[in-house]
């Protein structure tokens, strides 16, 4: 988990936001090192500039994405990482999208 947190911190420093951090996108290699995959929704960010595209997996989405508001990039990855950590510790996610909304969504304002 420390490796995953380090990865998110590095993303924040270089202003890249993954936007789809979830258990399904975290793998272990043969040496048990954590690998973050699926950068299809990743975006470059600029300090002070809000993002408009609301995307990712609803069960892991930050409140500002669920509310369809403009958002800062790195904090949404931190929120999703918290959901991942909760899931790893408790064995279930804290929030569940209804069955008809579990499909990944990504749409413009």
C-alpha atoms as a PDB file:
ATOM      1  CA  UNK A   1       0.000   0.000   0.000  1.00  0.00           C
ATOM      2  CA  UNK A   2       2.911   2.351   0.715  1.00  0.00           C
ATOM      3  CA  UNK A   3       4.048   1.971  -2.908  1.00  0.00           C
ATOM      4  CA  UNK A   4       0.574   2.900  -4.118  1.00  0.00           C
ATOM      5  CA  UNK A   5       0.474   5.973  -1.892  1.00  0.00           C
ATOM      6  CA  UNK A   6       3.935   6.953  -3.142  1.00  0.00           C
ATOM      7  CA  UNK A   7       2.706   6.636  -6.721  1.00  0.00           C
ATOM      8  CA  UNK A   8      -0.258   8.942  -6.028  1.00  0.00           C
ATOM      9  CA  UNK A   9       2.050  11.465  -4.350  1.00  0.00           C
ATOM     10  CA  UNK A  10       4.397  11.439  -7.349  1.00  0.00           C
ATOM     11  CA  UNK A  11       1.423  11.958  -9.667  1.00  0.00           C
ATOM     12  CA  UNK A  12       0.447  14.999  -7.627  1.00  0.00           C
ATOM     13  CA  UNK A  13       3.951  16.440  -7.885  1.00  0.00           C
ATOM     14  CA  UNK A  14       4.094  16.046 -11.675  1.00  0.00           C
ATOM     15  CA  UNK A  15       0.441  17.146 -11.999  1.00  0.00           C
ATOM     16  CA  UNK A  16      -0.982  13.925 -13.437  1.00  0.00           C
ATOM     17  CA  UNK A  17      -4.300  12.619 -12.172  1.00  0.00           C
ATOM     18  CA  UNK A  18      -5.254   8.957 -12.756  1.00  0.00           C
ATOM     19  CA  UNK A  19      -9.016   9.444 -12.199  1.00  0.00           C
ATOM     20  CA  UNK A  20      -9.787   5.714 -11.995  1.00  0.00           C
ATOM     21  CA  UNK A  21      -7.953   4.451  -8.912  1.00  0.00           C
ATOM     22  CA  UNK A  22      -9.779   1.307  -7.799  1.00  0.00           C
ATOM     23  CA  UNK A  23      -8.997  -2.200  -6.573  1.00  0.00           C
ATOM     24  CA  UNK A  24      -9.350  -3.628 -10.070  1.00  0.00           C
ATOM     25  CA  UNK A  25      -6.576  -1.313 -11.317  1.00  0.00           C
ATOM     26  CA  UNK A  26      -4.033  -2.365  -8.701  1.00  0.00           C
ATOM     27  CA  UNK A  27      -1.927  -5.443  -9.429  1.00  0.00           C
ATOM     28  CA  UNK A  28       1.021  -7.189  -7.780  1.00  0.00           C
ATOM     29  CA  UNK A  29       4.015  -8.327  -9.825  1.00  0.00           C
ATOM     30  CA  UNK A  30       6.049 -11.496  -9.161  1.00  0.00           C
ATOM     31  CA  UNK A  31       8.009  -9.647  -6.447  1.00  0.00           C
ATOM     32  CA  UNK A  32       4.787  -8.413  -4.754  1.00  0.00           C
ATOM     33  CA  UNK A  33       5.373  -4.838  -5.880  1.00  0.00           C
ATOM     34  CA  UNK A  34       2.226  -2.812  -6.437  1.00  0.00           C
ATOM     35  CA  UNK A  35       1.497  -1.747 -10.004  1.00  0.00           C
ATOM     36  CA  UNK A  36      -1.146   0.824 -10.904  1.00  0.00           C
ATOM     37  CA  UNK A  37      -2.660   0.125 -14.333  1.00  0.00           C
ATOM     38  CA  UNK A  38      -5.220   1.543 -16.783  1.00  0.00           C
ATOM     39  CA  UNK A  39      -4.245   5.134 -17.439  1.00  0.00           C
ATOM     40  CA  UNK A  40      -6.982   5.574 -20.038  1.00  0.00           C
ATOM     41  CA  UNK A  41      -8.684   8.335 -18.034  1.00  0.00           C
ATOM     42  CA  UNK A  42      -5.486  10.014 -16.782  1.00  0.00           C
ATOM     43  CA  UNK A  43      -5.056  13.731 -17.400  1.00  0.00           C
ATOM     44  CA  UNK A  44      -2.434  16.426 -16.957  1.00  0.00           C
ATOM     45  CA  UNK A  45      -3.461  19.142 -14.544  1.00  0.00           C
ATOM     46  CA  UNK A  46      -2.292  22.661 -13.833  1.00  0.00           C
ATOM     47  CA  UNK A  47      -2.293  24.284 -10.401  1.00  0.00           C
ATOM     48  CA  UNK A  48      -5.444  26.329  -9.915  1.00  0.00           C
ATOM     49  CA  UNK A  49      -7.173  24.929 -13.002  1.00  0.00           C
ATOM     50  CA  UNK A  50     -10.270  22.814 -12.354  1.00  0.00           C
ATOM     51  CA  UNK A  51     -11.133  19.727 -14.394  1.00  0.00           C
ATOM     52  CA  UNK A  52     -14.491  19.343 -16.138  1.00  0.00           C
ATOM     53  CA  UNK A  53     -14.631  15.692 -17.198  1.00  0.00           C
ATOM     54  CA  UNK A  54     -16.435  13.534 -14.654  1.00  0.00           C
ATOM     55  CA  UNK A  55     -15.132  10.016 -15.031  1.00  0.00           C
ATOM     56  CA  UNK A  56     -14.090   6.902 -13.169  1.00  0.00           C
ATOM     57  CA  UNK A  57     -15.959   4.226 -11.281  1.00  0.00           C
ATOM     58  CA  UNK A  58     -18.939   5.488  -9.255  1.00  0.00           C
ATOM     59  CA  UNK A  59     -18.197   3.392  -6.149  1.00  0.00           C
ATOM     60  CA  UNK A  60     -14.767   5.053  -5.877  1.00  0.00           C
ATOM     61  CA  UNK A  61     -15.717   8.551  -7.061  1.00  0.00           C
ATOM     62  CA  UNK A  62     -15.069  11.634  -4.937  1.00  0.00           C
ATOM     63  CA  UNK A  63     -18.124  13.687  -3.883  1.00  0.00           C
ATOM     64  CA  UNK A  64     -17.304  16.505  -6.310  1.00  0.00           C
ATOM     65  CA  UNK A  65     -17.367  14.052  -9.222  1.00  0.00           C
ATOM     66  CA  UNK A  66     -20.644  12.500  -8.077  1.00  0.00           C
ATOM     67  CA  UNK A  67     -22.105  16.019  -7.756  1.00  0.00           C
ATOM     68  CA  UNK A  68     -20.791  16.847 -11.253  1.00  0.00           C
ATOM     69  CA  UNK A  69     -18.902  19.932 -10.059  1.00  0.00           C
ATOM     70  CA  UNK A  70     -15.597  21.243 -11.376  1.00  0.00           C
ATOM     71  CA  UNK A  71     -12.779  19.655  -9.370  1.00  0.00           C
ATOM     72  CA  UNK A  72      -9.070  19.710  -8.595  1.00  0.00           C
ATOM     73  CA  UNK A  73      -7.401  16.613 -10.003  1.00  0.00           C
ATOM     74  CA  UNK A  74      -5.099  15.169  -7.311  1.00  0.00           C
ATOM     75  CA  UNK A  75      -7.654  15.192  -4.451  1.00  0.00           C
ATOM     76  CA  UNK A  76      -9.989  12.865  -6.396  1.00  0.00           C
ATOM     77  CA  UNK A  77      -7.188  10.263  -6.579  1.00  0.00           C
ATOM     78  CA  UNK A  78      -6.585  10.668  -2.842  1.00  0.00           C
ATOM     79  CA  UNK A  79     -10.321  10.078  -2.193  1.00  0.00           C
ATOM     80  CA  UNK A  80     -10.300   6.966  -4.389  1.00  0.00           C
ATOM     81  CA  UNK A  81      -7.175   5.719  -2.634  1.00  0.00           C
ATOM     82  CA  UNK A  82      -9.031   6.068   0.673  1.00  0.00           C
ATOM     83  CA  UNK A  83     -11.873   3.957  -0.724  1.00  0.00           C
ATOM     84  CA  UNK A  84      -9.302   1.350  -1.861  1.00  0.00           C
ATOM     85  CA  UNK A  85      -7.718   1.286   1.603  1.00  0.00           C
ATOM     86  CA  UNK A  86     -11.142   0.947   3.248  1.00  0.00           C
ATOM     87  CA  UNK A  87     -11.956  -1.953   0.918  1.00  0.00           C
ATOM     88  CA  UNK A  88      -8.670  -3.686   1.693  1.00  0.00           C
ATOM     89  CA  UNK A  89      -9.173  -3.365   5.455  1.00  0.00           C
ATOM     90  CA  UNK A  90     -12.928  -4.022   5.707  1.00  0.00           C
ATOM     91  CA  UNK A  91     -13.443  -6.410   2.808  1.00  0.00           C
ATOM     92  CA  UNK A  92     -16.150  -4.270   1.199  1.00  0.00           C
ATOM     93  CA  UNK A  93     -16.437  -0.769  -0.222  1.00  0.00           C
ATOM     94  CA  UNK A  94     -17.947   2.027   1.869  1.00  0.00           C
ATOM     95  CA  UNK A  95     -20.175   3.239  -0.976  1.00  0.00           C
ATOM     96  CA  UNK A  96     -21.875   1.184  -3.644  1.00  0.00           C
ATOM     97  CA  UNK A  97     -23.342   2.481  -6.868  1.00  0.00           C
ATOM     98  CA  UNK A  98     -26.706   0.973  -7.739  1.00  0.00           C
ATOM     99  CA  UNK A  99     -26.484  -1.958 -10.170  1.00  0.00           C
ATOM    100  CA  UNK A 100     -27.543   0.137 -13.150  1.00  0.00           C
ATOM    101  CA  UNK A 101     -24.848   2.747 -12.405  1.00  0.00           C
ATOM    102  CA  UNK A 102     -21.863   0.452 -11.875  1.00  0.00           C
ATOM    103  CA  UNK A 103     -20.728   0.938 -15.449  1.00  0.00           C
ATOM    104  CA  UNK A 104     -17.840   3.335 -15.772  1.00  0.00           C
ATOM    105  CA  UNK A 105     -19.037   6.767 -16.682  1.00  0.00           C
ATOM    106  CA  UNK A 106     -17.211   9.600 -18.354  1.00  0.00           C
ATOM    107  CA  UNK A 107     -19.026  12.589 -19.730  1.00  0.00           C
ATOM    108  CA  UNK A 108     -18.531  16.301 -20.379  1.00  0.00           C
ATOM    109  CA  UNK A 109     -20.288  19.121 -18.549  1.00  0.00           C
END
